[in-house]
Amino acid sequence: MKLLEEAVRELKGEEVEDGARATVNLGIDIRIEDTFASSRHALIAPHGALRVIEDLGSTNGTFLNGEPLRGPQPLHSGDQIRIGETEFSFRS
């Protein structure tokens, strides 16, 4: 997944010492106030016509539809993403 690897190298986010914020990058940074989220937690990147989510080595992992991510996974509208104790839905 060359596009995803390039996007990971280009990821820009703030390092937060207290670990209270997470950054999810989809062309923009999304900050999540959650003590169980890492400062650079996950990446959502384009891959052809799809969007793909990948955990960036976070301490507590990223969950997609209740399952821990084990490598990049495609996202579909309605998928549930959990980072720390924060859960949200992906809409395409």
PDB file of N, CA and C in Angstrom:
ATOM      1  N   MET A   1       0.842  -1.181   0.000  1.00  0.00           N
ATOM      2  CA  MET A   1       0.000   0.000   0.000  1.00  0.00           C
ATOM      3  C   MET A   1       0.884   1.241   0.000  1.00  0.00           C
ATOM      4  N   LYS A   2       1.466   1.503  -1.109  1.00  0.00           N
ATOM      5  CA  LYS A   2       2.425   2.585  -1.230  1.00  0.00           C
ATOM      6  C   LYS A   2       1.845   3.942  -0.818  1.00  0.00           C
ATOM      7  N   LEU A   3       0.613   4.246  -1.233  1.00  0.00           N
ATOM      8  CA  LEU A   3       0.015   5.531  -0.880  1.00  0.00           C
ATOM      9  C   LEU A   3      -0.067   5.716   0.634  1.00  0.00           C
ATOM     10  N   LEU A   4      -0.436   4.671   1.348  1.00  0.00           N
ATOM     11  CA  LEU A   4      -0.548   4.757   2.799  1.00  0.00           C
ATOM     12  C   LEU A   4       0.810   4.973   3.434  1.00  0.00           C
ATOM     13  N   GLU A   5       1.833   4.280   2.941  1.00  0.00           N
ATOM     14  CA  GLU A   5       3.178   4.461   3.486  1.00  0.00           C
ATOM     15  C   GLU A   5       3.665   5.889   3.266  1.00  0.00           C
ATOM     16  N   GLU A   6       3.389   6.463   2.099  1.00  0.00           N
ATOM     17  CA  GLU A   6       3.771   7.847   1.833  1.00  0.00           C
ATOM     18  C   GLU A   6       3.030   8.805   2.759  1.00  0.00           C
ATOM     19  N   ALA A   7       1.745   8.539   2.994  1.00  0.00           N
ATOM     20  CA  ALA A   7       0.958   9.403   3.870  1.00  0.00           C
ATOM     21  C   ALA A   7       1.467   9.348   5.307  1.00  0.00           C
ATOM     22  N   VAL A   8       1.884   8.166   5.766  1.00  0.00           N
ATOM     23  CA  VAL A   8       2.422   8.041   7.120  1.00  0.00           C
ATOM     24  C   VAL A   8       3.682   8.891   7.260  1.00  0.00           C
ATOM     25  N   ARG A   9       4.562   8.858   6.254  1.00  0.00           N
ATOM     26  CA  ARG A   9       5.787   9.665   6.312  1.00  0.00           C
ATOM     27  C   ARG A   9       5.470  11.153   6.345  1.00  0.00           C
ATOM     28  N   GLU A  10       4.367  11.564   5.725  1.00  0.00           N
ATOM     29  CA  GLU A  10       4.022  12.974   5.658  1.00  0.00           C
ATOM     30  C   GLU A  10       3.164  13.441   6.835  1.00  0.00           C
ATOM     31  N   LEU A  11       2.788  12.511   7.723  1.00  0.00           N
ATOM     32  CA  LEU A  11       1.924  12.856   8.849  1.00  0.00           C
ATOM     33  C   LEU A  11       2.534  13.964   9.679  1.00  0.00           C
ATOM     34  N   LYS A  12       1.726  14.973   9.948  1.00  0.00           N
ATOM     35  CA  LYS A  12       2.175  16.080  10.785  1.00  0.00           C
ATOM     36  C   LYS A  12       1.210  16.182  11.954  1.00  0.00           C
ATOM     37  N   GLY A  13       1.735  16.238  13.146  1.00  0.00           N
ATOM     38  CA  GLY A  13       0.887  16.369  14.325  1.00  0.00           C
ATOM     39  C   GLY A  13       1.702  16.883  15.478  1.00  0.00           C
ATOM     40  N   GLU A  14       1.026  17.417  16.466  1.00  0.00           N
ATOM     41  CA  GLU A  14       1.709  17.928  17.648  1.00  0.00           C
ATOM     42  C   GLU A  14       1.976  16.797  18.627  1.00  0.00           C
ATOM     43  N   GLU A  15       3.149  16.813  19.219  1.00  0.00           N
ATOM     44  CA  GLU A  15       3.429  15.894  20.310  1.00  0.00           C
ATOM     45  C   GLU A  15       2.874  16.525  21.582  1.00  0.00           C
ATOM     46  N   VAL A  16       2.130  15.770  22.327  1.00  0.00           N
ATOM     47  CA  VAL A  16       1.523  16.281  23.552  1.00  0.00           C
ATOM     48  C   VAL A  16       2.088  15.470  24.716  1.00  0.00           C
ATOM     49  N   GLU A  17       2.779  16.134  25.608  1.00  0.00           N
ATOM     50  CA  GLU A  17       3.482  15.442  26.693  1.00  0.00           C
ATOM     51  C   GLU A  17       2.568  14.626  27.582  1.00  0.00           C
ATOM     52  N   ASP A  18       1.385  15.130  27.873  1.00  0.00           N
ATOM     53  CA  ASP A  18       0.533  14.420  28.825  1.00  0.00           C
ATOM     54  C   ASP A  18      -0.253  13.287  28.176  1.00  0.00           C
ATOM     55  N   GLY A  19      -0.160  13.118  26.862  1.00  0.00           N
ATOM     56  CA  GLY A  19      -0.860  12.025  26.185  1.00  0.00           C
ATOM     57  C   GLY A  19      -2.365  12.166  26.193  1.00  0.00           C
ATOM     58  N   ALA A  20      -2.887  13.355  26.473  1.00  0.00           N
ATOM     59  CA  ALA A  20      -4.325  13.552  26.585  1.00  0.00           C
ATOM     60  C   ALA A  20      -4.995  13.821  25.246  1.00  0.00           C
ATOM     61  N   ARG A  21      -4.226  13.937  24.176  1.00  0.00           N
ATOM     62  CA  ARG A  21      -4.815  14.218  22.875  1.00  0.00           C
ATOM     63  C   ARG A  21      -4.348  13.192  21.864  1.00  0.00           C
ATOM     64  N   ALA A  22      -5.180  12.932  20.907  1.00  0.00           N
ATOM     65  CA  ALA A  22      -4.800  12.041  19.810  1.00  0.00           C
ATOM     66  C   ALA A  22      -4.929  12.811  18.514  1.00  0.00           C
ATOM     67  N   THR A  23      -4.142  12.438  17.550  1.00  0.00           N
ATOM     68  CA  THR A  23      -4.254  13.032  16.228  1.00  0.00           C
ATOM     69  C   THR A  23      -4.613  11.950  15.235  1.00  0.00           C
ATOM     70  N   VAL A  24      -5.693  12.160  14.536  1.00  0.00           N
ATOM     71  CA  VAL A  24      -6.081  11.314  13.421  1.00  0.00           C
ATOM     72  C   VAL A  24      -5.966  12.213  12.211  1.00  0.00           C
ATOM     73  N   ASN A  25      -5.224  11.796  11.195  1.00  0.00           N
ATOM     74  CA  ASN A  25      -4.967  12.670  10.069  1.00  0.00           C
ATOM     75  C   ASN A  25      -5.757  12.222   8.846  1.00  0.00           C
ATOM     76  N   LEU A  26      -6.602  13.102   8.344  1.00  0.00           N
ATOM     77  CA  LEU A  26      -7.360  12.890   7.115  1.00  0.00           C
ATOM     78  C   LEU A  26      -7.239  14.175   6.309  1.00  0.00           C
ATOM     79  N   GLY A  27      -5.985  14.621   6.126  1.00  0.00           N
ATOM     80  CA  GLY A  27      -5.761  15.907   5.505  1.00  0.00           C
ATOM     81  C   GLY A  27      -5.863  17.017   6.525  1.00  0.00           C
ATOM     82  N   ILE A  28      -6.456  16.710   7.658  1.00  0.00           N
ATOM     83  CA  ILE A  28      -6.562  17.639   8.777  1.00  0.00           C
ATOM     84  C   ILE A  28      -6.268  16.849  10.043  1.00  0.00           C
ATOM     85  N   ASP A  29      -5.925  17.540  11.095  1.00  0.00           N
ATOM     86  CA  ASP A  29      -5.744  16.881  12.387  1.00  0.00           C
ATOM     87  C   ASP A  29      -7.058  16.921  13.146  1.00  0.00           C
ATOM     88  N   ILE A  30      -7.414  15.809  13.741  1.00  0.00           N
ATOM     89  CA  ILE A  30      -8.582  15.739  14.620  1.00  0.00           C
ATOM     90  C   ILE A  30      -8.050  15.471  16.012  1.00  0.00           C
ATOM     91  N   ARG A  31      -8.329  16.356  16.924  1.00  0.00           N
ATOM     92  CA  ARG A  31      -7.841  16.209  18.291  1.00  0.00           C
ATOM     93  C   ARG A  31      -8.939  15.604  19.168  1.00  0.00           C
ATOM     94  N   ILE A  32      -8.559  14.567  19.877  1.00  0.00           N
ATOM     95  CA  ILE A  32      -9.490  13.869  20.755  1.00  0.00           C
ATOM     96  C   ILE A  32      -8.983  14.019  22.178  1.00  0.00           C
ATOM     97  N   GLU A  33      -9.790  14.583  23.032  1.00  0.00           N
ATOM     98  CA  GLU A  33      -9.430  14.717  24.445  1.00  0.00           C
ATOM     99  C   GLU A  33      -9.772  13.399  25.131  1.00  0.00           C
ATOM    100  N   ASP A  34      -8.795  12.534  25.274  1.00  0.00           N
ATOM    101  CA  ASP A  34      -9.000  11.198  25.823  1.00  0.00           C
ATOM    102  C   ASP A  34      -7.676  10.727  26.406  1.00  0.00           C
ATOM    103  N   THR A  35      -7.639  10.452  27.699  1.00  0.00           N
ATOM    104  CA  THR A  35      -6.385  10.063  28.347  1.00  0.00           C
ATOM    105  C   THR A  35      -5.867   8.704  27.889  1.00  0.00           C
ATOM    106  N   PHE A  36      -6.690   7.914  27.202  1.00  0.00           N
ATOM    107  CA  PHE A  36      -6.263   6.603  26.716  1.00  0.00           C
ATOM    108  C   PHE A  36      -5.827   6.648  25.252  1.00  0.00           C
ATOM    109  N   ALA A  37      -5.728   7.848  24.676  1.00  0.00           N
ATOM    110  CA  ALA A  37      -5.305   8.015  23.293  1.00  0.00           C
ATOM    111  C   ALA A  37      -3.863   8.504  23.256  1.00  0.00           C
ATOM    112  N   SER A  38      -3.115   8.052  22.271  1.00  0.00           N
ATOM    113  CA  SER A  38      -1.739   8.500  22.078  1.00  0.00           C
ATOM    114  C   SER A  38      -1.734   9.821  21.314  1.00  0.00           C
ATOM    115  N   SER A  39      -0.629  10.560  21.412  1.00  0.00           N
ATOM    116  CA  SER A  39      -0.576  11.865  20.748  1.00  0.00           C
ATOM    117  C   SER A  39      -0.604  11.745  19.223  1.00  0.00           C
ATOM    118  N   ARG A  40      -0.053  10.683  18.669  1.00  0.00           N
ATOM    119  CA  ARG A  40      -0.162  10.371  17.237  1.00  0.00           C
ATOM    120  C   ARG A  40      -0.717   8.958  17.161  1.00  0.00           C
ATOM    121  N   HIS A  41      -2.019   8.849  17.108  1.00  0.00           N
ATOM    122  CA  HIS A  41      -2.689   7.576  17.349  1.00  0.00           C
ATOM    123  C   HIS A  41      -2.988   6.787  16.069  1.00  0.00           C
ATOM    124  N   ALA A  42      -3.635   7.431  15.098  1.00  0.00           N
ATOM    125  CA  ALA A  42      -4.092   6.710  13.910  1.00  0.00           C
ATOM    126  C   ALA A  42      -4.043   7.623  12.697  1.00  0.00           C
ATOM    127  N   LEU A  43      -4.082   6.984  11.534  1.00  0.00           N
ATOM    128  CA  LEU A  43      -4.062   7.709  10.269  1.00  0.00           C
ATOM    129  C   LEU A  43      -5.194   7.186   9.396  1.00  0.00           C
ATOM    130  N   ILE A  44      -5.943   8.107   8.810  1.00  0.00           N
ATOM    131  CA  ILE A  44      -6.921   7.767   7.785  1.00  0.00           C
ATOM    132  C   ILE A  44      -6.404   8.415   6.511  1.00  0.00           C
ATOM    133  N   ALA A  45      -6.180   7.600   5.483  1.00  0.00           N
ATOM    134  CA  ALA A  45      -5.571   8.103   4.259  1.00  0.00           C
ATOM    135  C   ALA A  45      -6.308   7.566   3.039  1.00  0.00           C
ATOM    136  N   PRO A  46      -6.254   8.309   1.929  1.00  0.00           N
ATOM    137  CA  PRO A  46      -6.859   7.802   0.698  1.00  0.00           C
ATOM    138  C   PRO A  46      -6.048   6.646   0.131  1.00  0.00           C
ATOM    139  N   HIS A  47      -6.744   5.708  -0.455  1.00  0.00           N
ATOM    140  CA  HIS A  47      -6.103   4.604  -1.171  1.00  0.00           C
ATOM    141  C   HIS A  47      -7.017   4.288  -2.350  1.00  0.00           C
ATOM    142  N   GLY A  48      -6.722   4.885  -3.504  1.00  0.00           N
ATOM    143  CA  GLY A  48      -7.628   4.778  -4.640  1.00  0.00           C
ATOM    144  C   GLY A  48      -8.940   5.466  -4.302  1.00  0.00           C
ATOM    145  N   ALA A  49     -10.038   4.766  -4.521  1.00  0.00           N
ATOM    146  CA  ALA A  49     -11.360   5.320  -4.232  1.00  0.00           C
ATOM    147  C   ALA A  49     -11.752   5.146  -2.766  1.00  0.00           C
ATOM    148  N   LEU A  50     -10.952   4.405  -2.009  1.00  0.00           N
ATOM    149  CA  LEU A  50     -11.260   4.107  -0.610  1.00  0.00           C
ATOM    150  C   LEU A  50     -10.497   5.011   0.341  1.00  0.00           C
ATOM    151  N   ARG A  51     -10.879   4.971   1.597  1.00  0.00           N
ATOM    152  CA  ARG A  51     -10.101   5.514   2.701  1.00  0.00           C
ATOM    153  C   ARG A  51      -9.660   4.308   3.525  1.00  0.00           C
ATOM    154  N   VAL A  52      -8.430   4.379   4.025  1.00  0.00           N
ATOM    155  CA  VAL A  52      -7.857   3.285   4.803  1.00  0.00           C
ATOM    156  C   VAL A  52      -7.455   3.838   6.160  1.00  0.00           C
ATOM    157  N   ILE A  53      -7.696   3.062   7.221  1.00  0.00           N
ATOM    158  CA  ILE A  53      -7.298   3.459   8.569  1.00  0.00           C
ATOM    159  C   ILE A  53      -6.160   2.563   9.022  1.00  0.00           C
ATOM    160  N   GLU A  54      -5.215   3.163   9.741  1.00  0.00           N
ATOM    161  CA  GLU A  54      -4.072   2.417  10.270  1.00  0.00           C
ATOM    162  C   GLU A  54      -3.706   2.966  11.638  1.00  0.00           C
ATOM    163  N   ASP A  55      -3.436   2.080  12.572  1.00  0.00           N
ATOM    164  CA  ASP A  55      -2.925   2.486  13.882  1.00  0.00           C
ATOM    165  C   ASP A  55      -1.452   2.862  13.722  1.00  0.00           C
ATOM    166  N   LEU A  56      -1.023   3.915  14.398  1.00  0.00           N
ATOM    167  CA  LEU A  56       0.359   4.393  14.278  1.00  0.00           C
ATOM    168  C   LEU A  56       1.223   3.945  15.457  1.00  0.00           C
ATOM    169  N   GLY A  57       0.995   2.733  15.933  1.00  0.00           N
ATOM    170  CA  GLY A  57       1.782   2.213  17.044  1.00  0.00           C
ATOM    171  C   GLY A  57       1.338   2.766  18.384  1.00  0.00           C
ATOM    172  N   SER A  58       0.070   3.096  18.499  1.00  0.00           N
ATOM    173  CA  SER A  58      -0.452   3.669  19.740  1.00  0.00           C
ATOM    174  C   SER A  58      -0.350   2.677  20.894  1.00  0.00           C
ATOM    175  N   THR A  59      -0.358   3.199  22.095  1.00  0.00           N
ATOM    176  CA  THR A  59      -0.249   2.363  23.289  1.00  0.00           C
ATOM    177  C   THR A  59      -1.459   1.443  23.461  1.00  0.00           C
ATOM    178  N   ASN A  60      -2.670   1.968  23.260  1.00  0.00           N
ATOM    179  CA  ASN A  60      -3.892   1.214  23.533  1.00  0.00           C
ATOM    180  C   ASN A  60      -4.594   0.697  22.286  1.00  0.00           C
ATOM    181  N   GLY A  61      -4.024   0.930  21.117  1.00  0.00           N
ATOM    182  CA  GLY A  61      -4.601   0.400  19.883  1.00  0.00           C
ATOM    183  C   GLY A  61      -5.775   1.206  19.356  1.00  0.00           C
ATOM    184  N   THR A  62      -6.145   0.883  18.139  1.00  0.00           N
ATOM    185  CA  THR A  62      -7.296   1.469  17.455  1.00  0.00           C
ATOM    186  C   THR A  62      -8.221   0.320  17.096  1.00  0.00           C
ATOM    187  N   PHE A  63      -9.518   0.529  17.269  1.00  0.00           N
ATOM    188  CA  PHE A  63     -10.499  -0.527  17.030  1.00  0.00           C
ATOM    189  C   PHE A  63     -11.427  -0.131  15.897  1.00  0.00           C
ATOM    190  N   LEU A  64     -11.703  -1.082  15.017  1.00  0.00           N
ATOM    191  CA  LEU A  64     -12.625  -0.886  13.908  1.00  0.00           C
ATOM    192  C   LEU A  64     -13.734  -1.904  14.048  1.00  0.00           C
ATOM    193  N   ASN A  65     -14.947  -1.409  14.249  1.00  0.00           N
ATOM    194  CA  ASN A  65     -16.122  -2.280  14.449  1.00  0.00           C
ATOM    195  C   ASN A  65     -15.879  -3.286  15.571  1.00  0.00           C
ATOM    196  N   GLY A  66     -15.254  -2.815  16.655  1.00  0.00           N
ATOM    197  CA  GLY A  66     -15.040  -3.633  17.844  1.00  0.00           C
ATOM    198  C   GLY A  66     -13.816  -4.531  17.799  1.00  0.00           C
ATOM    199  N   GLU A  67     -13.123  -4.582  16.684  1.00  0.00           N
ATOM    200  CA  GLU A  67     -11.943  -5.444  16.541  1.00  0.00           C
ATOM    201  C   GLU A  67     -10.674  -4.597  16.478  1.00  0.00           C
ATOM    202  N   PRO A  68      -9.592  -5.025  17.146  1.00  0.00           N
ATOM    203  CA  PRO A  68      -8.337  -4.259  17.069  1.00  0.00           C
ATOM    204  C   PRO A  68      -7.766  -4.286  15.652  1.00  0.00           C
ATOM    205  N   LEU A  69      -7.250  -3.144  15.225  1.00  0.00           N
ATOM    206  CA  LEU A  69      -6.610  -3.074  13.911  1.00  0.00           C
ATOM    207  C   LEU A  69      -5.313  -3.872  13.933  1.00  0.00           C
ATOM    208  N   ARG A  70      -5.097  -4.652  12.908  1.00  0.00           N
ATOM    209  CA  ARG A  70      -3.858  -5.399  12.714  1.00  0.00           C
ATOM    210  C   ARG A  70      -3.389  -5.090  11.297  1.00  0.00           C
ATOM    211  N   GLY A  71      -2.910  -3.870  11.113  1.00  0.00           N
ATOM    212  CA  GLY A  71      -2.520  -3.409   9.791  1.00  0.00           C
ATOM    213  C   GLY A  71      -3.606  -2.528   9.187  1.00  0.00           C
ATOM    214  N   PRO A  72      -3.307  -1.915   8.054  1.00  0.00           N
ATOM    215  CA  PRO A  72      -4.255  -1.014   7.391  1.00  0.00           C
ATOM    216  C   PRO A  72      -5.539  -1.749   7.001  1.00  0.00           C
ATOM    217  N   GLN A  73      -6.678  -1.070   7.193  1.00  0.00           N
ATOM    218  CA  GLN A  73      -7.977  -1.645   6.843  1.00  0.00           C
ATOM    219  C   GLN A  73      -8.807  -0.614   6.085  1.00  0.00           C
ATOM    220  N   PRO A  74      -9.558  -1.060   5.059  1.00  0.00           N
ATOM    221  CA  PRO A  74     -10.428  -0.128   4.340  1.00  0.00           C
ATOM    222  C   PRO A  74     -11.602   0.296   5.226  1.00  0.00           C
ATOM    223  N   LEU A  75     -12.045   1.525   5.028  1.00  0.00           N
ATOM    224  CA  LEU A  75     -13.193   2.049   5.764  1.00  0.00           C
ATOM    225  C   LEU A  75     -14.412   2.092   4.857  1.00  0.00           C
ATOM    226  N   HIS A  76     -15.568   1.797   5.452  1.00  0.00           N
ATOM    227  CA  HIS A  76     -16.841   1.870   4.739  1.00  0.00           C
ATOM    228  C   HIS A  76     -17.787   2.727   5.568  1.00  0.00           C
ATOM    229  N   SER A  77     -18.691   3.394   4.885  1.00  0.00           N
ATOM    230  CA  SER A  77     -19.639   4.258   5.580  1.00  0.00           C
ATOM    231  C   SER A  77     -20.374   3.473   6.671  1.00  0.00           C
ATOM    232  N   GLY A  78     -20.412   4.047   7.857  1.00  0.00           N
ATOM    233  CA  GLY A  78     -21.064   3.401   8.992  1.00  0.00           C
ATOM    234  C   GLY A  78     -20.124   2.639   9.898  1.00  0.00           C
ATOM    235  N   ASP A  79     -18.865   2.434   9.477  1.00  0.00           N
ATOM    236  CA  ASP A  79     -17.898   1.751  10.336  1.00  0.00           C
ATOM    237  C   ASP A  79     -17.716   2.517  11.634  1.00  0.00           C
ATOM    238  N   GLN A  80     -17.536   1.777  12.724  1.00  0.00           N
ATOM    239  CA  GLN A  80     -17.311   2.364  14.041  1.00  0.00           C
ATOM    240  C   GLN A  80     -15.819   2.314  14.365  1.00  0.00           C
ATOM    241  N   ILE A  81     -15.267   3.466  14.723  1.00  0.00           N
ATOM    242  CA  ILE A  81     -13.856   3.581  15.080  1.00  0.00           C
ATOM    243  C   ILE A  81     -13.781   3.945  16.552  1.00  0.00           C
ATOM    244  N   ARG A  82     -12.921   3.228  17.300  1.00  0.00           N
ATOM    245  CA  ARG A  82     -12.718   3.567  18.719  1.00  0.00           C
ATOM    246  C   ARG A  82     -11.247   3.834  18.961  1.00  0.00           C
ATOM    247  N   ILE A  83     -10.990   4.989  19.551  1.00  0.00           N
ATOM    248  CA  ILE A  83      -9.652   5.404  19.965  1.00  0.00           C
ATOM    249  C   ILE A  83      -9.764   5.738  21.444  1.00  0.00           C
ATOM    250  N   GLY A  84      -9.068   4.987  22.275  1.00  0.00           N
ATOM    251  CA  GLY A  84      -9.223   5.169  23.721  1.00  0.00           C
ATOM    252  C   GLY A  84     -10.655   4.861  24.106  1.00  0.00           C
ATOM    253  N   GLU A  85     -11.292   5.795  24.800  1.00  0.00           N
ATOM    254  CA  GLU A  85     -12.699   5.630  25.177  1.00  0.00           C
ATOM    255  C   GLU A  85     -13.628   6.398  24.241  1.00  0.00           C
ATOM    256  N   THR A  86     -13.072   6.957  23.165  1.00  0.00           N
ATOM    257  CA  THR A  86     -13.842   7.761  22.222  1.00  0.00           C
ATOM    258  C   THR A  86     -14.221   6.923  21.013  1.00  0.00           C
ATOM    259  N   GLU A  87     -15.515   6.908  20.684  1.00  0.00           N
ATOM    260  CA  GLU A  87     -15.990   6.147  19.542  1.00  0.00           C
ATOM    261  C   GLU A  87     -16.719   7.088  18.597  1.00  0.00           C
ATOM    262  N   PHE A  88     -16.502   6.891  17.298  1.00  0.00           N
ATOM    263  CA  PHE A  88     -17.212   7.680  16.305  1.00  0.00           C
ATOM    264  C   PHE A  88     -17.440   6.846  15.068  1.00  0.00           C
ATOM    265  N   SER A  89     -18.329   7.323  14.194  1.00  0.00           N
ATOM    266  CA  SER A  89     -18.681   6.619  12.957  1.00  0.00           C
ATOM    267  C   SER A  89     -17.997   7.272  11.779  1.00  0.00           C
ATOM    268  N   PHE A  90     -17.558   6.443  10.840  1.00  0.00           N
ATOM    269  CA  PHE A  90     -16.987   6.942   9.597  1.00  0.00           C
ATOM    270  C   PHE A  90     -18.122   7.100   8.595  1.00  0.00           C
ATOM    271  N   ARG A  91     -18.196   8.255   7.968  1.00  0.00           N
ATOM    272  CA  ARG A  91     -19.177   8.524   6.923  1.00  0.00           C
ATOM    273  C   ARG A  91     -18.450   8.924   5.662  1.00  0.00           C
ATOM    274  N   SER A  92     -18.777   8.278   4.561  1.00  0.00           N
ATOM    275  CA  SER A  92     -18.118   8.639   3.309  1.00  0.00           C
ATOM    276  C   SER A  92     -19.049   9.441   2.431  1.00  0.00           C
TER     277      SER A  92
END
